């Protein structure tokens, strides 16, 4: 699991460098997902969740395009937040 201090640098569709703080790595149905917070974000910035795909020793981030998959992961994250709040 991520410790909240790890940074991830990637590029957006326009070639601009984007830096994220890795808040956590979760596993849902044996698939790993990264919970990311854009660096320099404000209070209204939403978290970003992306699928992790391992390619040898490297990991790649993939957008979750399937609504059912995204909803399942979002529900899992909400459950985790509820457990933390209790």
PDB file of N, CA and C in Angstrom:
ATOM      1  N   UNK A   1       0.834  -1.188   0.000  1.00  0.00           N
ATOM      2  CA  UNK A   1       0.000   0.000   0.000  1.00  0.00           C
ATOM      3  C   UNK A   1       0.876   1.249   0.000  1.00  0.00           C
ATOM      4  N   UNK A   2       0.345   2.270  -0.567  1.00  0.00           N
ATOM      5  CA  UNK A   2       1.066   3.545  -0.620  1.00  0.00           C
ATOM      6  C   UNK A   2       1.007   4.202   0.746  1.00  0.00           C
ATOM      7  N   UNK A   3       1.990   5.023   1.029  1.00  0.00           N
ATOM      8  CA  UNK A   3       2.003   5.667   2.340  1.00  0.00           C
ATOM      9  C   UNK A   3       1.562   7.122   2.281  1.00  0.00           C
ATOM     10  N   UNK A   4       1.095   7.570   1.133  1.00  0.00           N
ATOM     11  CA  UNK A   4       0.606   8.937   1.026  1.00  0.00           C
ATOM     12  C   UNK A   4       1.683   9.956   0.711  1.00  0.00           C
ATOM     13  N   UNK A   5       2.947   9.538   0.672  1.00  0.00           N
ATOM     14  CA  UNK A   5       4.032  10.468   0.378  1.00  0.00           C
ATOM     15  C   UNK A   5       4.637  10.224  -0.997  1.00  0.00           C
ATOM     16  N   UNK A   6       4.179   9.206  -1.683  1.00  0.00           N
ATOM     17  CA  UNK A   6       4.739   8.884  -2.982  1.00  0.00           C
ATOM     18  C   UNK A   6       4.165   9.799  -4.048  1.00  0.00           C
ATOM     19  N   UNK A   7       5.010  10.193  -4.966  1.00  0.00           N
ATOM     20  CA  UNK A   7       4.602  11.059  -6.078  1.00  0.00           C
ATOM     21  C   UNK A   7       4.712  10.266  -7.374  1.00  0.00           C
ATOM     22  N   UNK A   8       3.827  10.594  -8.291  1.00  0.00           N
ATOM     23  CA  UNK A   8       3.812   9.962  -9.586  1.00  0.00           C
ATOM     24  C   UNK A   8       3.749  11.054 -10.633  1.00  0.00           C
ATOM     25  N   UNK A   9       4.671  11.008 -11.579  1.00  0.00           N
ATOM     26  CA  UNK A   9       4.677  11.984 -12.661  1.00  0.00           C
ATOM     27  C   UNK A   9       4.245  11.293 -13.940  1.00  0.00           C
ATOM     28  N   UNK A  10       3.353  11.947 -14.669  1.00  0.00           N
ATOM     29  CA  UNK A  10       2.896  11.426 -15.947  1.00  0.00           C
ATOM     30  C   UNK A  10       2.575  12.606 -16.855  1.00  0.00           C
ATOM     31  N   UNK A  11       2.112  12.322 -18.036  1.00  0.00           N
ATOM     32  CA  UNK A  11       1.784  13.375 -18.992  1.00  0.00           C
ATOM     33  C   UNK A  11       0.332  13.235 -19.415  1.00  0.00           C
ATOM     34  N   UNK A  12      -0.355  14.375 -19.560  1.00  0.00           N
ATOM     35  CA  UNK A  12      -1.746  14.343 -19.999  1.00  0.00           C
ATOM     36  C   UNK A  12      -1.805  14.226 -21.520  1.00  0.00           C
ATOM     37  N   UNK A  13      -3.023  14.241 -22.058  1.00  0.00           N
ATOM     38  CA  UNK A  13      -3.201  14.058 -23.503  1.00  0.00           C
ATOM     39  C   UNK A  13      -2.593  15.178 -24.332  1.00  0.00           C
ATOM     40  N   UNK A  14      -2.270  16.309 -23.692  1.00  0.00           N
ATOM     41  CA  UNK A  14      -1.652  17.432 -24.399  1.00  0.00           C
ATOM     42  C   UNK A  14      -0.137  17.481 -24.222  1.00  0.00           C
ATOM     43  N   UNK A  15       0.418  16.477 -23.551  1.00  0.00           N
ATOM     44  CA  UNK A  15       1.858  16.429 -23.333  1.00  0.00           C
ATOM     45  C   UNK A  15       2.339  17.239 -22.142  1.00  0.00           C
ATOM     46  N   UNK A  16       1.417  17.759 -21.335  1.00  0.00           N
ATOM     47  CA  UNK A  16       1.788  18.522 -20.141  1.00  0.00           C
ATOM     48  C   UNK A  16       2.084  17.576 -18.981  1.00  0.00           C
ATOM     49  N   UNK A  17       3.157  17.866 -18.240  1.00  0.00           N
ATOM     50  CA  UNK A  17       3.514  17.042 -17.092  1.00  0.00           C
ATOM     51  C   UNK A  17       2.499  17.259 -15.973  1.00  0.00           C
ATOM     52  N   UNK A  18       2.044  16.158 -15.395  1.00  0.00           N
ATOM     53  CA  UNK A  18       1.100  16.197 -14.294  1.00  0.00           C
ATOM     54  C   UNK A  18       1.683  15.369 -13.152  1.00  0.00           C
ATOM     55  N   UNK A  19       1.626  15.911 -11.932  1.00  0.00           N
ATOM     56  CA  UNK A  19       2.159  15.217 -10.766  1.00  0.00           C
ATOM     57  C   UNK A  19       0.997  14.880  -9.840  1.00  0.00           C
ATOM     58  N   UNK A  20       0.965  13.632  -9.383  1.00  0.00           N
ATOM     59  CA  UNK A  20      -0.057  13.164  -8.467  1.00  0.00           C
ATOM     60  C   UNK A  20       0.579  12.661  -7.187  1.00  0.00           C
ATOM     61  N   UNK A  21      -0.136  12.816  -6.084  1.00  0.00           N
ATOM     62  CA  UNK A  21       0.232  12.151  -4.847  1.00  0.00           C
ATOM     63  C   UNK A  21      -0.526  10.832  -4.836  1.00  0.00           C
ATOM     64  N   UNK A  22       0.178   9.739  -4.603  1.00  0.00           N
ATOM     65  CA  UNK A  22      -0.455   8.425  -4.535  1.00  0.00           C
ATOM     66  C   UNK A  22      -0.976   8.255  -3.117  1.00  0.00           C
ATOM     67  N   UNK A  23      -2.301   8.317  -2.968  1.00  0.00           N
ATOM     68  CA  UNK A  23      -2.907   8.189  -1.644  1.00  0.00           C
ATOM     69  C   UNK A  23      -2.992   6.739  -1.209  1.00  0.00           C
ATOM     70  N   UNK A  24      -3.264   5.843  -2.152  1.00  0.00           N
ATOM     71  CA  UNK A  24      -3.390   4.440  -1.802  1.00  0.00           C
ATOM     72  C   UNK A  24      -3.395   3.599  -3.064  1.00  0.00           C
ATOM     73  N   UNK A  25      -3.094   2.329  -2.891  1.00  0.00           N
ATOM     74  CA  UNK A  25      -3.244   1.327  -3.928  1.00  0.00           C
ATOM     75  C   UNK A  25      -4.237   0.317  -3.359  1.00  0.00           C
ATOM     76  N   UNK A  26      -5.335   0.087  -4.083  1.00  0.00           N
ATOM     77  CA  UNK A  26      -6.345  -0.851  -3.610  1.00  0.00           C
ATOM     78  C   UNK A  26      -6.507  -1.972  -4.619  1.00  0.00           C
ATOM     79  N   UNK A  27      -7.082  -3.079  -4.170  1.00  0.00           N
ATOM     80  CA  UNK A  27      -7.337  -4.209  -5.040  1.00  0.00           C
ATOM     81  C   UNK A  27      -8.825  -4.540  -4.984  1.00  0.00           C
ATOM     82  N   UNK A  28      -9.442  -4.592  -6.155  1.00  0.00           N
ATOM     83  CA  UNK A  28     -10.854  -4.955  -6.278  1.00  0.00           C
ATOM     84  C   UNK A  28     -10.941  -6.049  -7.340  1.00  0.00           C
ATOM     85  N   UNK A  29     -11.474  -7.205  -6.957  1.00  0.00           N
ATOM     86  CA  UNK A  29     -11.591  -8.341  -7.882  1.00  0.00           C
ATOM     87  C   UNK A  29     -10.249  -8.677  -8.527  1.00  0.00           C
ATOM     88  N   UNK A  30      -9.205  -8.689  -7.703  1.00  0.00           N
ATOM     89  CA  UNK A  30      -7.846  -9.042  -8.143  1.00  0.00           C
ATOM     90  C   UNK A  30      -7.248  -8.079  -9.165  1.00  0.00           C
ATOM     91  N   UNK A  31      -7.792  -6.868  -9.247  1.00  0.00           N
ATOM     92  CA  UNK A  31      -7.232  -5.826 -10.112  1.00  0.00           C
ATOM     93  C   UNK A  31      -6.802  -4.678  -9.196  1.00  0.00           C
ATOM     94  N   UNK A  32      -5.586  -4.146  -9.426  1.00  0.00           N
ATOM     95  CA  UNK A  32      -5.093  -3.048  -8.593  1.00  0.00           C
ATOM     96  C   UNK A  32      -5.448  -1.699  -9.211  1.00  0.00           C
ATOM     97  N   UNK A  33      -5.774  -0.765  -8.308  1.00  0.00           N
ATOM     98  CA  UNK A  33      -6.127   0.594  -8.709  1.00  0.00           C
ATOM     99  C   UNK A  33      -5.341   1.574  -7.846  1.00  0.00           C
ATOM    100  N   UNK A  34      -4.945   2.681  -8.451  1.00  0.00           N
ATOM    101  CA  UNK A  34      -4.260   3.750  -7.727  1.00  0.00           C
ATOM    102  C   UNK A  34      -5.266   4.852  -7.424  1.00  0.00           C
ATOM    103  N   UNK A  35      -5.279   5.295  -6.160  1.00  0.00           N
ATOM    104  CA  UNK A  35      -6.107   6.425  -5.753  1.00  0.00           C
ATOM    105  C   UNK A  35      -5.169   7.625  -5.717  1.00  0.00           C
ATOM    106  N   UNK A  36      -5.421   8.602  -6.586  1.00  0.00           N
ATOM    107  CA  UNK A  36      -4.491   9.700  -6.811  1.00  0.00           C
ATOM    108  C   UNK A  36      -5.122  11.052  -6.493  1.00  0.00           C
ATOM    109  N   UNK A  37      -4.287  11.963  -6.031  1.00  0.00           N
ATOM    110  CA  UNK A  37      -4.699  13.340  -5.795  1.00  0.00           C
ATOM    111  C   UNK A  37      -3.761  14.232  -6.586  1.00  0.00           C
ATOM    112  N   UNK A  38      -4.296  15.056  -7.486  1.00  0.00           N
ATOM    113  CA  UNK A  38      -3.415  15.957  -8.244  1.00  0.00           C
ATOM    114  C   UNK A  38      -2.646  16.879  -7.293  1.00  0.00           C
ATOM    115  N   UNK A  39      -1.348  17.021  -7.550  1.00  0.00           N
ATOM    116  CA  UNK A  39      -0.526  17.918  -6.740  1.00  0.00           C
ATOM    117  C   UNK A  39      -1.021  19.350  -6.925  1.00  0.00           C
ATOM    118  N   UNK A  40      -0.893  20.140  -5.868  1.00  0.00           N
ATOM    119  CA  UNK A  40      -1.334  21.541  -5.881  1.00  0.00           C
ATOM    120  C   UNK A  40      -2.835  21.661  -6.095  1.00  0.00           C
ATOM    121  N   UNK A  41      -3.584  20.686  -5.595  1.00  0.00           N
ATOM    122  CA  UNK A  41      -5.035  20.732  -5.744  1.00  0.00           C
ATOM    123  C   UNK A  41      -5.651  21.527  -4.604  1.00  0.00           C
ATOM    124  N   UNK A  42      -6.879  21.974  -4.828  1.00  0.00           N
ATOM    125  CA  UNK A  42      -7.582  22.687  -3.776  1.00  0.00           C
ATOM    126  C   UNK A  42      -8.605  21.747  -3.136  1.00  0.00           C
ATOM    127  N   UNK A  43      -9.403  22.271  -2.210  1.00  0.00           N
ATOM    128  CA  UNK A  43     -10.344  21.436  -1.472  1.00  0.00           C
ATOM    129  C   UNK A  43     -11.431  20.842  -2.359  1.00  0.00           C
ATOM    130  N   UNK A  44     -11.719  21.443  -3.508  1.00  0.00           N
ATOM    131  CA  UNK A  44     -12.793  20.966  -4.363  1.00  0.00           C
ATOM    132  C   UNK A  44     -12.317  19.957  -5.413  1.00  0.00           C
ATOM    133  N   UNK A  45     -11.029  19.668  -5.443  1.00  0.00           N
ATOM    134  CA  UNK A  45     -10.495  18.724  -6.409  1.00  0.00           C
ATOM    135  C   UNK A  45     -10.923  17.314  -6.028  1.00  0.00           C
ATOM    136  N   UNK A  46     -11.397  16.581  -7.015  1.00  0.00           N
ATOM    137  CA  UNK A  46     -11.800  15.209  -6.775  1.00  0.00           C
ATOM    138  C   UNK A  46     -10.610  14.276  -6.936  1.00  0.00           C
ATOM    139  N   UNK A  47     -10.690  13.154  -6.232  1.00  0.00           N
ATOM    140  CA  UNK A  47      -9.669  12.131  -6.375  1.00  0.00           C
ATOM    141  C   UNK A  47      -9.780  11.492  -7.748  1.00  0.00           C
ATOM    142  N   UNK A  48      -8.685  10.973  -8.207  1.00  0.00           N
ATOM    143  CA  UNK A  48      -8.642  10.274  -9.480  1.00  0.00           C
ATOM    144  C   UNK A  48      -8.315   8.813  -9.182  1.00  0.00           C
ATOM    145  N   UNK A  49      -9.049   7.905  -9.790  1.00  0.00           N
ATOM    146  CA  UNK A  49      -8.804   6.476  -9.616  1.00  0.00           C
ATOM    147  C   UNK A  49      -8.485   5.900 -10.980  1.00  0.00           C
ATOM    148  N   UNK A  50      -7.334   5.217 -11.058  1.00  0.00           N
ATOM    149  CA  UNK A  50      -6.926   4.625 -12.332  1.00  0.00           C
ATOM    150  C   UNK A  50      -6.473   3.194 -12.106  1.00  0.00           C
ATOM    151  N   UNK A  51      -6.701   2.357 -13.113  1.00  0.00           N
ATOM    152  CA  UNK A  51      -6.283   0.961 -13.052  1.00  0.00           C
ATOM    153  C   UNK A  51      -4.772   0.887 -13.223  1.00  0.00           C
ATOM    154  N   UNK A  52      -4.133   0.012 -12.444  1.00  0.00           N
ATOM    155  CA  UNK A  52      -2.695  -0.215 -12.577  1.00  0.00           C
ATOM    156  C   UNK A  52      -2.474  -1.470 -13.411  1.00  0.00           C
ATOM    157  N   UNK A  53      -1.650  -1.349 -14.419  1.00  0.00           N
ATOM    158  CA  UNK A  53      -1.304  -2.490 -15.258  1.00  0.00           C
ATOM    159  C   UNK A  53       0.196  -2.689 -15.170  1.00  0.00           C
ATOM    160  N   UNK A  54       0.602  -3.880 -14.758  1.00  0.00           N
ATOM    161  CA  UNK A  54       2.031  -4.152 -14.635  1.00  0.00           C
ATOM    162  C   UNK A  54       2.590  -4.602 -15.969  1.00  0.00           C
ATOM    163  N   UNK A  55       3.709  -3.977 -16.347  1.00  0.00           N
ATOM    164  CA  UNK A  55       4.409  -4.312 -17.577  1.00  0.00           C
ATOM    165  C   UNK A  55       5.853  -4.590 -17.192  1.00  0.00           C
ATOM    166  N   UNK A  56       6.164  -5.855 -16.892  1.00  0.00           N
ATOM    167  CA  UNK A  56       7.491  -6.196 -16.379  1.00  0.00           C
ATOM    168  C   UNK A  56       7.648  -5.626 -14.979  1.00  0.00           C
ATOM    169  N   UNK A  57       8.675  -4.819 -14.771  1.00  0.00           N
ATOM    170  CA  UNK A  57       8.900  -4.173 -13.476  1.00  0.00           C
ATOM    171  C   UNK A  57       8.213  -2.818 -13.385  1.00  0.00           C
ATOM    172  N   UNK A  58       7.644  -2.360 -14.476  1.00  0.00           N
ATOM    173  CA  UNK A  58       7.007  -1.048 -14.529  1.00  0.00           C
ATOM    174  C   UNK A  58       5.492  -1.170 -14.389  1.00  0.00           C
ATOM    175  N   UNK A  59       4.886  -0.094 -13.918  1.00  0.00           N
ATOM    176  CA  UNK A  59       3.428  -0.020 -13.863  1.00  0.00           C
ATOM    177  C   UNK A  59       2.946   1.078 -14.794  1.00  0.00           C
ATOM    178  N   UNK A  60       1.826   0.818 -15.437  1.00  0.00           N
ATOM    179  CA  UNK A  60       1.191   1.814 -16.283  1.00  0.00           C
ATOM    180  C   UNK A  60      -0.179   2.127 -15.705  1.00  0.00           C
ATOM    181  N   UNK A  61      -0.609   3.373 -15.848  1.00  0.00           N
ATOM    182  CA  UNK A  61      -1.940   3.770 -15.413  1.00  0.00           C
ATOM    183  C   UNK A  61      -2.879   3.714 -16.600  1.00  0.00           C
ATOM    184  N   UNK A  62      -4.057   3.145 -16.373  1.00  0.00           N
ATOM    185  CA  UNK A  62      -5.063   3.080 -17.428  1.00  0.00           C
ATOM    186  C   UNK A  62      -6.349   3.712 -16.922  1.00  0.00           C
ATOM    187  N   UNK A  63      -6.993   4.470 -17.770  1.00  0.00           N
ATOM    188  CA  UNK A  63      -8.281   5.060 -17.427  1.00  0.00           C
ATOM    189  C   UNK A  63      -9.325   3.946 -17.329  1.00  0.00           C
ATOM    190  N   UNK A  64     -10.237   4.082 -16.386  1.00  0.00           N
ATOM    191  CA  UNK A  64     -11.336   3.125 -16.249  1.00  0.00           C
ATOM    192  C   UNK A  64     -12.470   3.633 -17.124  1.00  0.00           C
ATOM    193  N   UNK A  65     -12.700   2.969 -18.229  1.00  0.00           N
ATOM    194  CA  UNK A  65     -13.709   3.416 -19.186  1.00  0.00           C
ATOM    195  C   UNK A  65     -15.050   2.732 -18.992  1.00  0.00           C
ATOM    196  N   UNK A  66     -15.055   1.574 -18.338  1.00  0.00           N
ATOM    197  CA  UNK A  66     -16.287   0.823 -18.121  1.00  0.00           C
ATOM    198  C   UNK A  66     -17.007   1.360 -16.880  1.00  0.00           C
ATOM    199  N   UNK A  67     -18.259   1.801 -17.056  1.00  0.00           N
ATOM    200  CA  UNK A  67     -19.019   2.388 -15.946  1.00  0.00           C
ATOM    201  C   UNK A  67     -19.228   1.403 -14.800  1.00  0.00           C
ATOM    202  N   UNK A  68     -19.512   0.137 -15.115  1.00  0.00           N
ATOM    203  CA  UNK A  68     -19.734  -0.857 -14.064  1.00  0.00           C
ATOM    204  C   UNK A  68     -18.471  -1.067 -13.236  1.00  0.00           C
ATOM    205  N   UNK A  69     -17.325  -1.141 -13.911  1.00  0.00           N
ATOM    206  CA  UNK A  69     -16.055  -1.308 -13.203  1.00  0.00           C
ATOM    207  C   UNK A  69     -15.783  -0.092 -12.320  1.00  0.00           C
ATOM    208  N   UNK A  70     -15.987   1.106 -12.864  1.00  0.00           N
ATOM    209  CA  UNK A  70     -15.746   2.316 -12.087  1.00  0.00           C
ATOM    210  C   UNK A  70     -16.672   2.363 -10.871  1.00  0.00           C
ATOM    211  N   UNK A  71     -17.949   2.053 -11.069  1.00  0.00           N
ATOM    212  CA  UNK A  71     -18.901   2.090  -9.960  1.00  0.00           C
ATOM    213  C   UNK A  71     -18.539   1.090  -8.864  1.00  0.00           C
ATOM    214  N   UNK A  72     -18.041  -0.085  -9.252  1.00  0.00           N
ATOM    215  CA  UNK A  72     -17.634  -1.092  -8.276  1.00  0.00           C
ATOM    216  C   UNK A  72     -16.445  -0.582  -7.450  1.00  0.00           C
ATOM    217  N   UNK A  73     -15.479   0.030  -8.107  1.00  0.00           N
ATOM    218  CA  UNK A  73     -14.298   0.558  -7.412  1.00  0.00           C
ATOM    219  C   UNK A  73     -14.697   1.734  -6.520  1.00  0.00           C
ATOM    220  N   UNK A  74     -15.555   2.617  -7.026  1.00  0.00           N
ATOM    221  CA  UNK A  74     -16.005   3.769  -6.228  1.00  0.00           C
ATOM    222  C   UNK A  74     -16.760   3.303  -4.988  1.00  0.00           C
ATOM    223  N   UNK A  75     -17.593   2.274  -5.116  1.00  0.00           N
ATOM    224  CA  UNK A  75     -18.324   1.742  -3.963  1.00  0.00           C
ATOM    225  C   UNK A  75     -17.358   1.169  -2.930  1.00  0.00           C
ATOM    226  N   UNK A  76     -16.307   0.493  -3.395  1.00  0.00           N
ATOM    227  CA  UNK A  76     -15.303  -0.061  -2.487  1.00  0.00           C
ATOM    228  C   UNK A  76     -14.594   1.061  -1.723  1.00  0.00           C
ATOM    229  N   UNK A  77     -14.243   2.120  -2.425  1.00  0.00           N
ATOM    230  CA  UNK A  77     -13.566   3.254  -1.775  1.00  0.00           C
ATOM    231  C   UNK A  77     -14.495   3.893  -0.739  1.00  0.00           C
ATOM    232  N   UNK A  78     -15.771   4.025  -1.065  1.00  0.00           N
ATOM    233  CA  UNK A  78     -16.728   4.589  -0.111  1.00  0.00           C
ATOM    234  C   UNK A  78     -16.845   3.716   1.140  1.00  0.00           C
ATOM    235  N   UNK A  79     -16.819   2.385   0.959  1.00  0.00           N
ATOM    236  CA  UNK A  79     -16.845   1.474   2.106  1.00  0.00           C
ATOM    237  C   UNK A  79     -15.627   1.698   2.992  1.00  0.00           C
ATOM    238  N   UNK A  80     -14.451   1.852   2.362  1.00  0.00           N
ATOM    239  CA  UNK A  80     -13.234   2.095   3.134  1.00  0.00           C
ATOM    240  C   UNK A  80     -13.342   3.403   3.916  1.00  0.00           C
ATOM    241  N   UNK A  81     -13.879   4.445   3.276  1.00  0.00           N
ATOM    242  CA  UNK A  81     -14.033   5.736   3.949  1.00  0.00           C
ATOM    243  C   UNK A  81     -14.999   5.622   5.125  1.00  0.00           C
ATOM    244  N   UNK A  82     -16.089   4.853   4.944  1.00  0.00           N
ATOM    245  CA  UNK A  82     -17.043   4.669   6.025  1.00  0.00           C
ATOM    246  C   UNK A  82     -16.397   3.950   7.208  1.00  0.00           C
ATOM    247  N   UNK A  83     -15.556   2.947   6.938  1.00  0.00           N
ATOM    248  CA  UNK A  83     -14.871   2.227   8.008  1.00  0.00           C
ATOM    249  C   UNK A  83     -13.914   3.144   8.763  1.00  0.00           C
ATOM    250  N   UNK A  84     -13.265   4.033   8.045  1.00  0.00           N
ATOM    251  CA  UNK A  84     -12.329   4.973   8.674  1.00  0.00           C
ATOM    252  C   UNK A  84     -13.084   5.955   9.557  1.00  0.00           C
ATOM    253  N   UNK A  85     -14.268   6.388   9.099  1.00  0.00           N
ATOM    254  CA  UNK A  85     -15.051   7.361   9.846  1.00  0.00           C
ATOM    255  C   UNK A  85     -15.664   6.789  11.114  1.00  0.00           C
ATOM    256  N   UNK A  86     -15.779   5.465  11.190  1.00  0.00           N
ATOM    257  CA  UNK A  86     -16.410   4.852  12.376  1.00  0.00           C
ATOM    258  C   UNK A  86     -15.487   4.810  13.555  1.00  0.00           C
TER     259      UNK A  86
END
